[in-house]
Structures are given as C-alpha cells and as structure tokens.
Amino acid sequence: MITVEHVIFYDGNEPSYHHGAKYQILSDYERLHGQPNTRIWVVTDKPRLFETYPCRILELDSQRKHAWSLQGLQLFGIKLKGFS
C-alpha cells in the first residue's frame, strides 16, 4: 500500500507565503480528497494559522529549526529534513 505525502513548508512572516501555503493546502485537498493513504502536511513555525485547514501540522519550533538548519547555517536543510 503506497502512501502519498504532500508536504508544504511555511516559515516566517511573509503574508504572501502564508496565503500561498493555504491555497496549496486547499488545492491539494480538492485534488487528493478521497484517495486512500494520502496525507497533506504543513511544516510551520506558526501552527495556529493552519489549525482549521485539512492538513496535519508539524510545528517547526526554534529548537527543531536550529537543528534542521544545521545550527542555522543552511535554511534549506529544513526542507530536506522535513521530507525525510
């Protein structure tokens, strides 16, 4: 049985990224809804923004963000770790 995981990252204070992430969640939900073994995840430092959306939330707290970004040296590392 294959599980499809769609992961969306939202980090920071940029309103356009916030709205883009919400749009992506809703678009994916419409496209994937009803398909077995499919989940939408959002990895975010602001979990409250997504509480009412059809997704699972992984909070990117400061400790996790620091560890996943190689102690703040490489922010792209957050995405790599989030996909693993």
Protein backbone atom coordinates (compact mmCIF):
# COMPACT_ATOMS: atom_id res chain seq x y z
CA MET A 1 0.00 0.00 0.00
CA ILE A 2 1.52 3.32 -1.11
CA THR A 3 1.10 6.43 0.99
CA VAL A 4 1.25 9.77 -0.77
CA GLU A 5 2.57 12.51 1.48
CA HIS A 6 2.33 16.08 0.24
CA VAL A 7 4.49 18.37 2.38
CA ILE A 8 4.16 22.15 2.42
CA PHE A 9 6.60 24.41 4.26
CA TYR A 10 5.66 27.77 5.71
CA ASP A 11 8.17 29.64 7.83
CA GLY A 12 8.43 33.32 8.58
CA ASN A 13 6.29 36.42 8.45
CA GLU A 14 5.75 36.97 4.72
CA PRO A 15 1.96 37.26 4.14
CA SER A 16 2.17 36.14 0.51
CA TYR A 17 3.88 32.87 1.57
CA HIS A 18 1.20 32.34 4.22
CA HIS A 19 -1.61 32.78 1.71
CA GLY A 20 0.24 30.67 -0.85
CA ALA A 21 0.58 27.81 1.63
CA LYS A 22 -3.12 27.94 2.46
CA TYR A 23 -4.01 27.96 -1.23
CA GLN A 24 -1.74 24.95 -1.81
CA ILE A 25 -3.34 23.03 1.08
CA LEU A 26 -6.83 23.64 -0.28
CA SER A 27 -5.80 22.83 -3.86
CA ASP A 28 -4.18 19.59 -2.77
CA TYR A 29 -7.16 18.70 -0.63
CA GLU A 30 -9.52 19.17 -3.56
CA ARG A 31 -7.27 17.11 -5.83
CA LEU A 32 -6.43 14.34 -3.33
CA HIS A 33 -9.59 14.12 -1.20
CA GLY A 34 -11.00 10.63 -1.05
CA GLN A 35 -7.85 8.94 -2.29
CA PRO A 36 -6.76 6.27 0.16
CA ASN A 37 -3.49 6.65 2.04
CA THR A 38 -2.99 10.29 1.12
CA ARG A 39 -1.98 12.97 3.60
CA ILE A 40 -1.19 16.66 3.39
CA TRP A 41 1.33 18.01 5.88
CA VAL A 42 2.38 21.56 6.67
CA VAL A 43 5.68 22.16 8.43
CA THR A 44 5.48 25.59 10.03
CA ASP A 45 6.63 27.86 12.79
CA LYS A 46 3.06 29.22 13.02
CA PRO A 47 0.79 26.20 13.51
CA ARG A 48 -2.20 28.30 14.64
CA LEU A 49 -2.53 29.70 11.11
CA PHE A 50 -3.38 26.24 9.79
CA GLU A 51 -5.45 24.70 12.61
CA THR A 52 -8.71 24.81 10.65
CA TYR A 53 -7.25 23.53 7.38
CA PRO A 54 -7.46 19.92 6.17
CA CYS A 55 -3.87 19.00 6.89
CA ARG A 56 -1.61 17.58 9.52
CA ILE A 57 0.72 20.04 11.21
CA LEU A 58 4.33 19.57 12.25
CA GLU A 59 5.44 22.54 14.33
CA LEU A 60 8.82 23.93 13.44
CA ASP A 61 9.76 25.23 16.88
CA SER A 62 13.01 27.13 17.41
CA GLN A 63 14.90 24.06 18.62
CA ARG A 64 13.83 21.94 15.64
CA LYS A 65 14.51 24.81 13.23
CA HIS A 66 18.00 25.25 14.62
CA ALA A 67 18.80 21.53 14.40
CA TRP A 68 17.29 21.02 10.94
CA SER A 69 19.10 24.07 9.53
CA LEU A 70 22.49 22.71 10.60
CA GLN A 71 22.66 25.08 13.57
CA GLY A 72 21.41 28.00 11.48
CA LEU A 73 23.97 27.58 8.71
CA GLN A 74 21.71 26.23 5.97
CA LEU A 75 17.98 27.04 5.98
CA PHE A 76 17.37 24.75 3.00
CA GLY A 77 18.27 21.89 5.35
CA ILE A 78 14.84 22.38 6.95
CA LYS A 79 13.15 21.26 3.74
CA LEU A 80 15.49 18.31 3.32
CA LYS A 81 14.83 17.12 6.86
CA GLY A 82 11.09 17.72 6.56
CA PHE A 83 10.91 15.37 3.59
CA SER A 84 12.72 12.57 5.40
